[in-house]
Amino acid sequence: MPMPAAEIEQMIKTSLPDAEVSIEDLAGDGDHYRAHIKSAAFNGKTRVQQHQMVYSALQGKMGSDLHALALQTSATE
């Protein structure tokens, strides 16, 4: 069952309240997304740590309800 983009965005914003989040459905199938996320919580974190924070926000749905998510993360200045 596909996961709506709005649900992905809400889960990320719940975990990272200051985040600027944009979600793009890459294939139009609700299973393949690209997310751009900018948050102060990423300050001082490596790219791997930033991505781990996003995966944690998705509460285990990555790989099950959510098939593919390309991440682009950045810290605020």
N, C-alpha and C. Protein backbone atom coordinates (compact mmCIF):
# COMPACT_ATOMS: atom_id res chain seq x y z
N MET A 1 0.85 -1.17 0.00
CA MET A 1 0.00 0.00 0.00
C MET A 1 0.89 1.23 0.00
N PRO A 2 0.71 2.13 -0.97
CA PRO A 2 1.53 3.33 -1.03
C PRO A 2 1.35 4.23 0.19
N MET A 3 2.38 5.00 0.46
CA MET A 3 2.36 5.93 1.60
C MET A 3 2.23 7.34 1.03
N PRO A 4 1.20 8.09 1.42
CA PRO A 4 1.01 9.43 0.88
C PRO A 4 2.15 10.38 1.28
N ALA A 5 2.51 11.28 0.37
CA ALA A 5 3.57 12.26 0.63
C ALA A 5 3.27 13.09 1.87
N ALA A 6 2.01 13.43 2.08
CA ALA A 6 1.64 14.24 3.24
C ALA A 6 1.95 13.51 4.55
N GLU A 7 1.80 12.21 4.56
CA GLU A 7 2.11 11.42 5.76
C GLU A 7 3.62 11.40 6.02
N ILE A 8 4.40 11.28 4.96
CA ILE A 8 5.86 11.32 5.11
C ILE A 8 6.28 12.67 5.68
N GLU A 9 5.76 13.73 5.09
CA GLU A 9 6.08 15.09 5.56
C GLU A 9 5.69 15.27 7.02
N GLN A 10 4.50 14.82 7.40
CA GLN A 10 4.03 14.97 8.79
C GLN A 10 4.93 14.22 9.76
N MET A 11 5.34 13.02 9.41
CA MET A 11 6.20 12.24 10.29
C MET A 11 7.55 12.92 10.49
N ILE A 12 8.09 13.47 9.41
CA ILE A 12 9.38 14.18 9.52
C ILE A 12 9.22 15.42 10.37
N LYS A 13 8.16 16.19 10.15
CA LYS A 13 7.95 17.42 10.92
C LYS A 13 7.63 17.15 12.38
N THR A 14 7.04 16.01 12.67
CA THR A 14 6.79 15.65 14.07
C THR A 14 8.11 15.43 14.80
N SER A 15 9.05 14.80 14.12
CA SER A 15 10.35 14.51 14.72
C SER A 15 11.30 15.70 14.64
N LEU A 16 11.19 16.48 13.59
CA LEU A 16 12.05 17.66 13.37
C LEU A 16 11.15 18.87 13.14
N PRO A 17 10.59 19.45 14.22
CA PRO A 17 9.55 20.49 14.09
C PRO A 17 9.94 21.71 13.27
N ASP A 18 11.22 22.06 13.25
CA ASP A 18 11.63 23.25 12.51
C ASP A 18 11.92 22.96 11.04
N ALA A 19 11.81 21.72 10.63
CA ALA A 19 12.23 21.31 9.29
C ALA A 19 11.40 21.95 8.19
N GLU A 20 12.11 22.34 7.13
CA GLU A 20 11.48 22.71 5.88
C GLU A 20 11.52 21.45 5.03
N VAL A 21 10.36 20.96 4.65
CA VAL A 21 10.27 19.67 3.96
C VAL A 21 9.53 19.83 2.64
N SER A 22 10.11 19.30 1.58
CA SER A 22 9.38 19.19 0.31
C SER A 22 9.54 17.75 -0.18
N ILE A 23 8.43 17.19 -0.61
CA ILE A 23 8.38 15.81 -1.06
C ILE A 23 7.94 15.79 -2.52
N GLU A 24 8.65 15.02 -3.33
CA GLU A 24 8.32 14.88 -4.75
C GLU A 24 8.08 13.40 -5.05
N ASP A 25 6.95 13.10 -5.67
CA ASP A 25 6.64 11.73 -6.10
C ASP A 25 7.33 11.52 -7.44
N LEU A 26 8.37 10.71 -7.47
CA LEU A 26 9.20 10.56 -8.65
C LEU A 26 8.55 9.76 -9.78
N ALA A 27 7.72 8.79 -9.43
CA ALA A 27 7.15 7.91 -10.45
C ALA A 27 5.64 8.03 -10.57
N GLY A 28 5.03 8.85 -9.71
CA GLY A 28 3.58 8.99 -9.74
C GLY A 28 2.84 7.80 -9.18
N ASP A 29 3.58 6.94 -8.45
CA ASP A 29 2.96 5.71 -7.94
C ASP A 29 2.81 5.68 -6.42
N GLY A 30 3.23 6.76 -5.74
CA GLY A 30 3.13 6.79 -4.29
C GLY A 30 4.12 5.88 -3.59
N ASP A 31 5.09 5.35 -4.32
CA ASP A 31 6.09 4.44 -3.74
C ASP A 31 7.53 4.94 -3.88
N HIS A 32 7.75 5.91 -4.75
CA HIS A 32 9.10 6.39 -5.02
C HIS A 32 9.13 7.91 -4.86
N TYR A 33 9.80 8.37 -3.82
CA TYR A 33 9.81 9.79 -3.49
C TYR A 33 11.23 10.34 -3.40
N ARG A 34 11.31 11.67 -3.53
CA ARG A 34 12.52 12.42 -3.21
C ARG A 34 12.10 13.44 -2.17
N ALA A 35 12.89 13.54 -1.11
CA ALA A 35 12.61 14.51 -0.05
C ALA A 35 13.79 15.46 0.12
N HIS A 36 13.47 16.73 0.19
CA HIS A 36 14.45 17.77 0.52
C HIS A 36 14.10 18.26 1.91
N ILE A 37 15.05 18.15 2.83
CA ILE A 37 14.78 18.49 4.23
C ILE A 37 15.89 19.39 4.74
N LYS A 38 15.49 20.52 5.32
CA LYS A 38 16.45 21.46 5.90
C LYS A 38 16.03 21.68 7.35
N SER A 39 16.99 21.52 8.28
CA SER A 39 16.66 21.64 9.70
C SER A 39 17.89 22.05 10.51
N ALA A 40 17.67 22.85 11.55
CA ALA A 40 18.73 23.21 12.47
C ALA A 40 19.22 21.98 13.23
N ALA A 41 18.38 20.97 13.37
CA ALA A 41 18.78 19.74 14.07
C ALA A 41 19.93 19.04 13.35
N PHE A 42 20.14 19.36 12.08
CA PHE A 42 21.22 18.75 11.30
C PHE A 42 22.56 19.46 11.51
N ASN A 43 22.56 20.62 12.15
CA ASN A 43 23.80 21.36 12.37
C ASN A 43 24.82 20.50 13.10
N GLY A 44 26.04 20.43 12.57
CA GLY A 44 27.10 19.66 13.18
C GLY A 44 27.04 18.17 12.95
N LYS A 45 26.05 17.71 12.20
CA LYS A 45 25.88 16.29 11.92
C LYS A 45 26.43 15.96 10.53
N THR A 46 26.95 14.75 10.38
CA THR A 46 27.38 14.29 9.06
C THR A 46 26.14 14.00 8.23
N ARG A 47 26.33 13.85 6.94
CA ARG A 47 25.22 13.52 6.04
C ARG A 47 24.59 12.19 6.46
N VAL A 48 25.41 11.22 6.83
CA VAL A 48 24.88 9.92 7.27
C VAL A 48 24.03 10.10 8.53
N GLN A 49 24.49 10.88 9.48
CA GLN A 49 23.71 11.12 10.70
C GLN A 49 22.40 11.83 10.39
N GLN A 50 22.44 12.78 9.46
CA GLN A 50 21.22 13.48 9.06
C GLN A 50 20.21 12.51 8.47
N HIS A 51 20.68 11.62 7.60
CA HIS A 51 19.78 10.65 6.98
C HIS A 51 19.24 9.67 8.02
N GLN A 52 20.07 9.28 8.97
CA GLN A 52 19.61 8.39 10.03
C GLN A 52 18.51 9.06 10.85
N MET A 53 18.61 10.36 11.06
CA MET A 53 17.58 11.09 11.80
C MET A 53 16.25 11.06 11.04
N VAL A 54 16.32 11.18 9.72
CA VAL A 54 15.09 11.14 8.91
C VAL A 54 14.51 9.73 8.95
N TYR A 55 15.35 8.71 8.77
CA TYR A 55 14.85 7.33 8.83
C TYR A 55 14.22 7.03 10.18
N SER A 56 14.81 7.54 11.24
CA SER A 56 14.25 7.36 12.58
C SER A 56 12.86 8.01 12.67
N ALA A 57 12.72 9.18 12.07
CA ALA A 57 11.43 9.89 12.08
C ALA A 57 10.35 9.08 11.37
N LEU A 58 10.75 8.24 10.43
CA LEU A 58 9.78 7.44 9.67
C LEU A 58 9.36 6.18 10.39
N GLN A 59 9.89 5.96 11.59
CA GLN A 59 9.43 4.92 12.52
C GLN A 59 9.32 3.53 11.87
N GLY A 60 10.34 3.13 11.14
CA GLY A 60 10.37 1.79 10.59
C GLY A 60 9.55 1.57 9.33
N LYS A 61 8.95 2.62 8.79
CA LYS A 61 8.14 2.46 7.57
C LYS A 61 9.00 2.38 6.31
N MET A 62 10.26 2.81 6.41
CA MET A 62 11.15 2.74 5.25
C MET A 62 11.43 1.27 4.94
N GLY A 63 11.19 0.88 3.71
CA GLY A 63 11.40 -0.51 3.31
C GLY A 63 10.15 -1.37 3.43
N SER A 64 9.13 -0.85 4.09
CA SER A 64 7.87 -1.60 4.16
C SER A 64 6.77 -0.75 3.51
N ASP A 65 6.16 0.15 4.26
CA ASP A 65 5.12 1.02 3.70
C ASP A 65 5.70 1.98 2.67
N LEU A 66 6.95 2.36 2.86
CA LEU A 66 7.62 3.30 1.99
C LEU A 66 8.74 2.57 1.25
N HIS A 67 8.58 2.40 -0.05
CA HIS A 67 9.50 1.59 -0.84
C HIS A 67 10.82 2.30 -1.10
N ALA A 68 10.79 3.54 -1.58
CA ALA A 68 12.03 4.24 -1.95
C ALA A 68 11.93 5.71 -1.61
N LEU A 69 12.97 6.22 -0.97
CA LEU A 69 13.02 7.63 -0.60
C LEU A 69 14.44 8.14 -0.80
N ALA A 70 14.62 8.99 -1.81
CA ALA A 70 15.91 9.63 -2.03
C ALA A 70 15.95 10.88 -1.15
N LEU A 71 17.00 11.01 -0.35
CA LEU A 71 17.09 12.11 0.59
C LEU A 71 18.13 13.14 0.18
N GLN A 72 17.76 14.40 0.35
CA GLN A 72 18.71 15.49 0.25
C GLN A 72 18.50 16.31 1.51
N THR A 73 19.47 16.31 2.40
CA THR A 73 19.34 17.01 3.66
C THR A 73 20.35 18.14 3.74
N SER A 74 20.02 19.16 4.51
CA SER A 74 20.96 20.24 4.75
C SER A 74 20.63 20.90 6.09
N ALA A 75 21.68 21.46 6.68
CA ALA A 75 21.54 22.17 7.95
C ALA A 75 21.25 23.64 7.69
N THR A 76 20.56 24.26 8.62
CA THR A 76 20.36 25.70 8.53
C THR A 76 21.64 26.37 9.02
N GLU A 77 21.79 27.61 8.67
CA GLU A 77 23.03 28.31 9.06
C GLU A 77 22.79 29.23 10.23
